Amino acid sequence: MNPADRSAANPGRFRAALRESPPLLWAFLYFFCLLSGYYVLRPVREAMGASADVQAVFPPWMIDFFTRHGLSMGDFTLQVLFTCTFVIMLLLQPAYGALVSRYPRRVFLPAVYGFFIATLLVFYFAFDSGMPGRGMAFFLWIAVFNLFAVAVFWSFMADVFDNVEARAYYGYIGAAGTLGAFLGPLLTRVLVERIGIANLMLVAASFLLACLGCQM
């Protein structure tokens, strides 16, 4: 076990670190809530990719297009989803770079999280009403969420902590992410049969709302 892992596993050192740096608590909670919310949604994404219900996954116009060319969407679900994901990421990478270079992350991130919370409410209604094409939209949305919300987290931490603090505290923050990555799928497994997929969107939105509070 490396020194950072040993430090993160020591409750006494963690309490001392919290006393030394109050922002550490907010960073810890932020990463925990972020990965909890993300991993609540990951199983839904995987279910959409494996779904045999092409009406739920693809919009009607795309199904009609493939049908006119003698192709069954059910035979190409993952190929189409991953190809569209690749195209979306290719188009968004320059936009992402321009945004993060133009706006401070303290300004950029709250706006991004507000957008993702709003879109999760849209997905709640899409899944609740059985809207056609919801699977593909959600599959692509997860990729965008991973780019804008998850990947930029550590860049934001670099704005909060200097190099010395980063070496001392990143182990604790990483441990928070591990806990969140464990809790998220567990929540999905426990809740999906009880509340349904649509309400999982609200669970994830609640975690993102908590992330927004931690950013502030």
C-alpha atoms as a PDB file:
ATOM      1  CA  MET A   1       0.000   0.000   0.000  1.00  0.00           C
ATOM      2  CA  ASN A   2       1.442   3.373  -0.959  1.00  0.00           C
ATOM      3  CA  PRO A   3       1.640   6.241   1.554  1.00  0.00           C
ATOM      4  CA  ALA A   4      -1.439   8.008   0.154  1.00  0.00           C
ATOM      5  CA  ASP A   5      -3.542   4.850   0.539  1.00  0.00           C
ATOM      6  CA  ARG A   6      -2.265   4.260   4.096  1.00  0.00           C
ATOM      7  CA  SER A   7      -3.048   7.863   4.965  1.00  0.00           C
ATOM      8  CA  ALA A   8      -6.562   7.624   3.481  1.00  0.00           C
ATOM      9  CA  ALA A   9      -7.217   4.449   5.467  1.00  0.00           C
ATOM     10  CA  ASN A  10      -6.268   6.073   8.796  1.00  0.00           C
ATOM     11  CA  PRO A  11      -9.330   7.721  10.438  1.00  0.00           C
ATOM     12  CA  GLY A  12      -7.168   9.701  12.856  1.00  0.00           C
ATOM     13  CA  ARG A  13      -5.126  11.237  10.064  1.00  0.00           C
ATOM     14  CA  PHE A  14      -8.300  11.961   8.121  1.00  0.00           C
ATOM     15  CA  ARG A  15      -9.807  13.862  11.066  1.00  0.00           C
ATOM     16  CA  ALA A  16      -6.565  15.798  11.464  1.00  0.00           C
ATOM     17  CA  ALA A  17      -6.534  16.631   7.762  1.00  0.00           C
ATOM     18  CA  LEU A  18     -10.121  17.908   7.993  1.00  0.00           C
ATOM     19  CA  ARG A  19      -9.107  20.221  10.836  1.00  0.00           C
ATOM     20  CA  GLU A  20      -6.137  21.483   8.811  1.00  0.00           C
ATOM     21  CA  SER A  21      -8.132  22.051   5.615  1.00  0.00           C
ATOM     22  CA  PRO A  22     -11.924  22.576   5.807  1.00  0.00           C
ATOM     23  CA  PRO A  23     -12.212  22.490   1.968  1.00  0.00           C
ATOM     24  CA  LEU A  24     -11.162  18.829   2.145  1.00  0.00           C
ATOM     25  CA  LEU A  25     -14.539  17.875   3.625  1.00  0.00           C
ATOM     26  CA  TRP A  26     -16.385  19.539   0.750  1.00  0.00           C
ATOM     27  CA  ALA A  27     -14.065  17.929  -1.813  1.00  0.00           C
ATOM     28  CA  PHE A  28     -14.590  14.536  -0.144  1.00  0.00           C
ATOM     29  CA  LEU A  29     -18.385  14.905  -0.207  1.00  0.00           C
ATOM     30  CA  TYR A  30     -18.307  16.325  -3.734  1.00  0.00           C
ATOM     31  CA  PHE A  31     -16.440  13.351  -5.241  1.00  0.00           C
ATOM     32  CA  PHE A  32     -18.503  10.883  -3.232  1.00  0.00           C
ATOM     33  CA  CYS A  33     -21.790  12.375  -4.483  1.00  0.00           C
ATOM     34  CA  LEU A  34     -20.490  12.773  -8.035  1.00  0.00           C
ATOM     35  CA  LEU A  35     -19.491   9.133  -8.444  1.00  0.00           C
ATOM     36  CA  SER A  36     -22.536   7.915  -6.524  1.00  0.00           C
ATOM     37  CA  GLY A  37     -24.787   9.742  -8.988  1.00  0.00           C
ATOM     38  CA  TYR A  38     -22.754   8.621 -11.995  1.00  0.00           C
ATOM     39  CA  TYR A  39     -22.770   4.969 -10.963  1.00  0.00           C
ATOM     40  CA  VAL A  40     -26.494   5.081 -10.221  1.00  0.00           C
ATOM     41  CA  LEU A  41     -26.894   5.883 -13.924  1.00  0.00           C
ATOM     42  CA  ARG A  42     -24.253   3.566 -15.394  1.00  0.00           C
ATOM     43  CA  PRO A  43     -26.386   0.391 -15.052  1.00  0.00           C
ATOM     44  CA  VAL A  44     -29.246   2.185 -16.832  1.00  0.00           C
ATOM     45  CA  ARG A  45     -26.882   3.030 -19.703  1.00  0.00           C
ATOM     46  CA  GLU A  46     -25.739  -0.592 -19.920  1.00  0.00           C
ATOM     47  CA  ALA A  47     -29.339  -1.811 -19.867  1.00  0.00           C
ATOM     48  CA  MET A  48     -30.185   0.502 -22.760  1.00  0.00           C
ATOM     49  CA  GLY A  49     -27.209  -0.792 -24.736  1.00  0.00           C
ATOM     50  CA  ALA A  50     -28.304  -4.396 -24.171  1.00  0.00           C
ATOM     51  CA  SER A  51     -32.028  -3.783 -24.699  1.00  0.00           C
ATOM     52  CA  ALA A  52     -33.861  -5.773 -27.371  1.00  0.00           C
ATOM     53  CA  ASP A  53     -36.612  -3.132 -27.492  1.00  0.00           C
ATOM     54  CA  VAL A  54     -35.463  -1.030 -30.451  1.00  0.00           C
ATOM     55  CA  GLN A  55     -38.455   1.298 -30.033  1.00  0.00           C
ATOM     56  CA  ALA A  56     -37.203   2.238 -26.575  1.00  0.00           C
ATOM     57  CA  VAL A  57     -33.596   2.681 -27.692  1.00  0.00           C
ATOM     58  CA  PHE A  58     -33.817   4.387 -31.100  1.00  0.00           C
ATOM     59  CA  PRO A  59     -35.980   7.234 -32.412  1.00  0.00           C
ATOM     60  CA  PRO A  60     -38.616   6.225 -34.992  1.00  0.00           C
ATOM     61  CA  TRP A  61     -36.929   8.079 -37.881  1.00  0.00           C
ATOM     62  CA  MET A  62     -33.716   6.081 -37.406  1.00  0.00           C
ATOM     63  CA  ILE A  63     -35.589   2.776 -37.256  1.00  0.00           C
ATOM     64  CA  ASP A  64     -37.447   3.703 -40.456  1.00  0.00           C
ATOM     65  CA  PHE A  65     -34.188   4.660 -42.176  1.00  0.00           C
ATOM     66  CA  PHE A  66     -32.559   1.319 -41.378  1.00  0.00           C
ATOM     67  CA  THR A  67     -35.704  -0.602 -42.303  1.00  0.00           C
ATOM     68  CA  ARG A  68     -35.861   1.060 -45.730  1.00  0.00           C
ATOM     69  CA  HIS A  69     -32.323  -0.176 -46.340  1.00  0.00           C
ATOM     70  CA  GLY A  70     -33.182  -3.720 -45.283  1.00  0.00           C
ATOM     71  CA  LEU A  71     -31.388  -3.595 -41.931  1.00  0.00           C
ATOM     72  CA  SER A  72     -32.675  -4.490 -38.487  1.00  0.00           C
ATOM     73  CA  MET A  73     -31.684  -2.048 -35.726  1.00  0.00           C
ATOM     74  CA  GLY A  74     -31.716  -4.869 -33.202  1.00  0.00           C
ATOM     75  CA  ASP A  75     -28.686  -6.396 -34.931  1.00  0.00           C
ATOM     76  CA  PHE A  76     -26.610  -3.225 -34.689  1.00  0.00           C
ATOM     77  CA  THR A  77     -27.624  -1.648 -31.384  1.00  0.00           C
ATOM     78  CA  LEU A  78     -24.198  -1.371 -29.787  1.00  0.00           C
ATOM     79  CA  GLN A  79     -22.442  -0.527 -33.050  1.00  0.00           C
ATOM     80  CA  VAL A  80     -24.779   2.392 -33.686  1.00  0.00           C
ATOM     81  CA  LEU A  81     -24.644   3.627 -30.087  1.00  0.00           C
ATOM     82  CA  PHE A  82     -20.856   3.562 -29.863  1.00  0.00           C
ATOM     83  CA  THR A  83     -20.438   5.133 -33.311  1.00  0.00           C
ATOM     84  CA  CYS A  84     -22.766   7.971 -32.342  1.00  0.00           C
ATOM     85  CA  THR A  85     -20.911   8.347 -29.038  1.00  0.00           C
ATOM     86  CA  PHE A  86     -17.603   8.631 -30.910  1.00  0.00           C
ATOM     87  CA  VAL A  87     -19.020  11.319 -33.223  1.00  0.00           C
ATOM     88  CA  ILE A  88     -20.551  13.262 -30.329  1.00  0.00           C
ATOM     89  CA  MET A  89     -17.296  13.220 -28.363  1.00  0.00           C
ATOM     90  CA  LEU A  90     -15.314  14.240 -31.442  1.00  0.00           C
ATOM     91  CA  LEU A  91     -17.572  17.253 -31.911  1.00  0.00           C
ATOM     92  CA  LEU A  92     -17.709  18.220 -28.236  1.00  0.00           C
ATOM     93  CA  GLN A  93     -14.008  18.018 -27.396  1.00  0.00           C
ATOM     94  CA  PRO A  94     -13.167  21.383 -29.055  1.00  0.00           C
ATOM     95  CA  ALA A  95     -16.220  23.004 -27.445  1.00  0.00           C
ATOM     96  CA  TYR A  96     -15.201  21.589 -24.063  1.00  0.00           C
ATOM     97  CA  GLY A  97     -11.655  22.898 -24.460  1.00  0.00           C
ATOM     98  CA  ALA A  98     -12.896  26.336 -25.448  1.00  0.00           C
ATOM     99  CA  LEU A  99     -15.247  26.565 -22.477  1.00  0.00           C
ATOM    100  CA  VAL A 100     -12.734  25.483 -19.842  1.00  0.00           C
ATOM    101  CA  SER A 101     -10.078  27.805 -21.257  1.00  0.00           C
ATOM    102  CA  ARG A 102     -12.414  30.797 -21.450  1.00  0.00           C
ATOM    103  CA  TYR A 103     -14.307  30.507 -18.157  1.00  0.00           C
ATOM    104  CA  PRO A 104     -12.963  29.790 -14.655  1.00  0.00           C
ATOM    105  CA  ARG A 105     -14.013  26.373 -13.415  1.00  0.00           C
ATOM    106  CA  ARG A 106     -15.731  28.021 -10.442  1.00  0.00           C
ATOM    107  CA  VAL A 107     -18.056  29.679 -12.976  1.00  0.00           C
ATOM    108  CA  PHE A 108     -18.153  26.912 -15.569  1.00  0.00           C
ATOM    109  CA  LEU A 109     -18.926  23.957 -13.314  1.00  0.00           C
ATOM    110  CA  PRO A 110     -22.055  25.253 -11.518  1.00  0.00           C
ATOM    111  CA  ALA A 111     -23.614  26.109 -14.888  1.00  0.00           C
ATOM    112  CA  VAL A 112     -22.747  22.642 -16.224  1.00  0.00           C
ATOM    113  CA  TYR A 113     -24.176  20.864 -13.192  1.00  0.00           C
ATOM    114  CA  GLY A 114     -27.326  22.953 -13.376  1.00  0.00           C
ATOM    115  CA  PHE A 115     -27.695  21.863 -17.006  1.00  0.00           C
ATOM    116  CA  PHE A 116     -27.244  18.190 -16.138  1.00  0.00           C
ATOM    117  CA  ILE A 117     -29.754  18.375 -13.298  1.00  0.00           C
ATOM    118  CA  ALA A 118     -32.285  19.928 -15.686  1.00  0.00           C
ATOM    119  CA  THR A 119     -31.687  17.241 -18.313  1.00  0.00           C
ATOM    120  CA  LEU A 120     -32.103  14.496 -15.717  1.00  0.00           C
ATOM    121  CA  LEU A 121     -35.564  15.907 -15.033  1.00  0.00           C
ATOM    122  CA  VAL A 122     -36.250  15.658 -18.778  1.00  0.00           C
ATOM    123  CA  PHE A 123     -35.094  12.021 -18.734  1.00  0.00           C
ATOM    124  CA  TYR A 124     -37.383  11.380 -15.780  1.00  0.00           C
ATOM    125  CA  PHE A 125     -40.368  12.322 -17.935  1.00  0.00           C
ATOM    126  CA  ALA A 126     -38.937  10.440 -20.945  1.00  0.00           C
ATOM    127  CA  PHE A 127     -38.572   7.175 -19.021  1.00  0.00           C
ATOM    128  CA  ASP A 128     -41.799   7.668 -17.091  1.00  0.00           C
ATOM    129  CA  SER A 129     -43.813   8.187 -20.278  1.00  0.00           C
ATOM    130  CA  GLY A 130     -42.005   5.511 -22.310  1.00  0.00           C
ATOM    131  CA  MET A 131     -40.838   8.024 -24.937  1.00  0.00           C
ATOM    132  CA  PRO A 132     -39.375   6.311 -28.038  1.00  0.00           C
ATOM    133  CA  GLY A 133     -35.644   6.819 -28.512  1.00  0.00           C
ATOM    134  CA  ARG A 134     -34.977   7.502 -24.848  1.00  0.00           C
ATOM    135  CA  GLY A 135     -32.308   4.801 -24.699  1.00  0.00           C
ATOM    136  CA  MET A 136     -30.056   6.317 -27.351  1.00  0.00           C
ATOM    137  CA  ALA A 137     -30.490   9.838 -25.977  1.00  0.00           C
ATOM    138  CA  PHE A 138     -29.541   8.651 -22.502  1.00  0.00           C
ATOM    139  CA  PHE A 139     -26.604   6.579 -23.770  1.00  0.00           C
ATOM    140  CA  LEU A 140     -25.135   9.644 -25.489  1.00  0.00           C
ATOM    141  CA  TRP A 141     -25.958  11.901 -22.543  1.00  0.00           C
ATOM    142  CA  ILE A 142     -23.888   9.720 -20.207  1.00  0.00           C
ATOM    143  CA  ALA A 143     -20.837  10.187 -22.437  1.00  0.00           C
ATOM    144  CA  VAL A 144     -21.282  13.961 -22.366  1.00  0.00           C
ATOM    145  CA  PHE A 145     -21.812  13.885 -18.602  1.00  0.00           C
ATOM    146  CA  ASN A 146     -18.610  11.901 -18.141  1.00  0.00           C
ATOM    147  CA  LEU A 147     -16.666  14.475 -20.175  1.00  0.00           C
ATOM    148  CA  PHE A 148     -18.034  17.660 -18.627  1.00  0.00           C
ATOM    149  CA  ALA A 149     -18.816  16.645 -15.039  1.00  0.00           C
ATOM    150  CA  VAL A 150     -16.569  13.725 -14.084  1.00  0.00           C
ATOM    151  CA  ALA A 151     -13.390  14.328 -16.067  1.00  0.00           C
ATOM    152  CA  VAL A 152     -13.070  17.985 -15.054  1.00  0.00           C
ATOM    153  CA  PHE A 153     -13.345  17.206 -11.333  1.00  0.00           C
ATOM    154  CA  TRP A 154      -9.612  16.827 -10.744  1.00  0.00           C
ATOM    155  CA  SER A 155      -8.898  20.003 -12.694  1.00  0.00           C
ATOM    156  CA  PHE A 156     -11.230  21.795 -10.322  1.00  0.00           C
ATOM    157  CA  MET A 157      -9.378  20.250  -7.368  1.00  0.00           C
ATOM    158  CA  ALA A 158      -6.133  21.644  -8.780  1.00  0.00           C
ATOM    159  CA  ASP A 159      -7.705  25.104  -8.464  1.00  0.00           C
ATOM    160  CA  VAL A 160      -8.616  24.447  -4.824  1.00  0.00           C
ATOM    161  CA  PHE A 161      -5.456  22.750  -3.488  1.00  0.00           C
ATOM    162  CA  ASP A 162      -1.814  23.581  -4.124  1.00  0.00           C
ATOM    163  CA  ASN A 163       0.793  20.886  -4.864  1.00  0.00           C
ATOM    164  CA  VAL A 164       1.646  20.210  -1.224  1.00  0.00           C
ATOM    165  CA  GLU A 165      -2.024  19.941  -0.240  1.00  0.00           C
ATOM    166  CA  ALA A 166      -2.739  17.739  -3.252  1.00  0.00           C
ATOM    167  CA  ARG A 167      -0.135  15.185  -2.168  1.00  0.00           C
ATOM    168  CA  ALA A 168      -1.568  15.197   1.331  1.00  0.00           C
ATOM    169  CA  TYR A 169      -5.297  15.141   0.511  1.00  0.00           C
ATOM    170  CA  TYR A 170      -5.898  13.469  -2.849  1.00  0.00           C
ATOM    171  CA  GLY A 171      -5.775  10.022  -1.261  1.00  0.00           C
ATOM    172  CA  TYR A 172      -8.785  10.892   0.892  1.00  0.00           C
ATOM    173  CA  ILE A 173     -10.668  12.373  -2.040  1.00  0.00           C
ATOM    174  CA  GLY A 174      -9.953   9.298  -4.164  1.00  0.00           C
ATOM    175  CA  ALA A 175     -11.257   7.094  -1.347  1.00  0.00           C
ATOM    176  CA  ALA A 176     -14.500   9.108  -1.386  1.00  0.00           C
ATOM    177  CA  GLY A 177     -14.859   8.334  -5.095  1.00  0.00           C
ATOM    178  CA  THR A 178     -14.315   4.640  -4.429  1.00  0.00           C
ATOM    179  CA  LEU A 179     -17.097   4.690  -1.837  1.00  0.00           C
ATOM    180  CA  GLY A 180     -19.391   6.481  -4.277  1.00  0.00           C
ATOM    181  CA  ALA A 181     -18.593   4.024  -7.074  1.00  0.00           C
ATOM    182  CA  PHE A 182     -19.550   1.210  -4.701  1.00  0.00           C
ATOM    183  CA  LEU A 183     -22.726   2.855  -3.415  1.00  0.00           C
ATOM    184  CA  GLY A 184     -24.142   3.919  -6.798  1.00  0.00           C
ATOM    185  CA  PRO A 185     -24.687   0.477  -8.383  1.00  0.00           C
ATOM    186  CA  LEU A 186     -25.867  -0.870  -5.024  1.00  0.00           C
ATOM    187  CA  LEU A 187     -28.544   1.826  -4.861  1.00  0.00           C
ATOM    188  CA  THR A 188     -29.622   1.020  -8.408  1.00  0.00           C
ATOM    189  CA  ARG A 189     -29.892  -2.680  -7.629  1.00  0.00           C
ATOM    190  CA  VAL A 190     -31.935  -2.036  -4.497  1.00  0.00           C
ATOM    191  CA  LEU A 191     -34.170   0.727  -5.858  1.00  0.00           C
ATOM    192  CA  VAL A 192     -34.834  -0.079  -9.505  1.00  0.00           C
ATOM    193  CA  GLU A 193     -37.470  -2.737  -8.796  1.00  0.00           C
ATOM    194  CA  ARG A 194     -39.119  -0.557  -6.162  1.00  0.00           C
ATOM    195  CA  ILE A 195     -39.204   2.859  -7.779  1.00  0.00           C
ATOM    196  CA  GLY A 196     -38.441   2.187 -11.459  1.00  0.00           C
ATOM    197  CA  ILE A 197     -35.863   3.595 -13.856  1.00  0.00           C
ATOM    198  CA  ALA A 198     -37.542   6.996 -14.143  1.00  0.00           C
ATOM    199  CA  ASN A 199     -37.162   7.729 -10.449  1.00  0.00           C
ATOM    200  CA  LEU A 200     -33.482   6.773 -10.580  1.00  0.00           C
ATOM    201  CA  MET A 201     -33.061   9.959 -12.608  1.00  0.00           C
ATOM    202  CA  LEU A 202     -34.306  11.903  -9.594  1.00  0.00           C
ATOM    203  CA  VAL A 203     -31.937  10.012  -7.280  1.00  0.00           C
ATOM    204  CA  ALA A 204     -28.992  10.932  -9.510  1.00  0.00           C
ATOM    205  CA  ALA A 205     -30.213  14.535  -9.777  1.00  0.00           C
ATOM    206  CA  SER A 206     -30.234  14.727  -5.970  1.00  0.00           C
ATOM    207  CA  PHE A 207     -26.594  13.650  -5.873  1.00  0.00           C
ATOM    208  CA  LEU A 208     -25.710  16.286  -8.469  1.00  0.00           C
ATOM    209  CA  LEU A 209     -27.561  18.922  -6.481  1.00  0.00           C
ATOM    210  CA  ALA A 210     -25.403  17.967  -3.492  1.00  0.00           C
ATOM    211  CA  CYS A 211     -22.316  18.324  -5.752  1.00  0.00           C
ATOM    212  CA  LEU A 212     -23.469  21.814  -6.656  1.00  0.00           C
ATOM    213  CA  GLY A 213     -23.723  22.694  -2.959  1.00  0.00           C
ATOM    214  CA  CYS A 214     -20.204  21.364  -2.351  1.00  0.00           C
ATOM    215  CA  GLN A 215     -18.847  23.466  -5.244  1.00  0.00           C
ATOM    216  CA  MET A 216     -20.320  26.585  -3.700  1.00  0.00           C
END
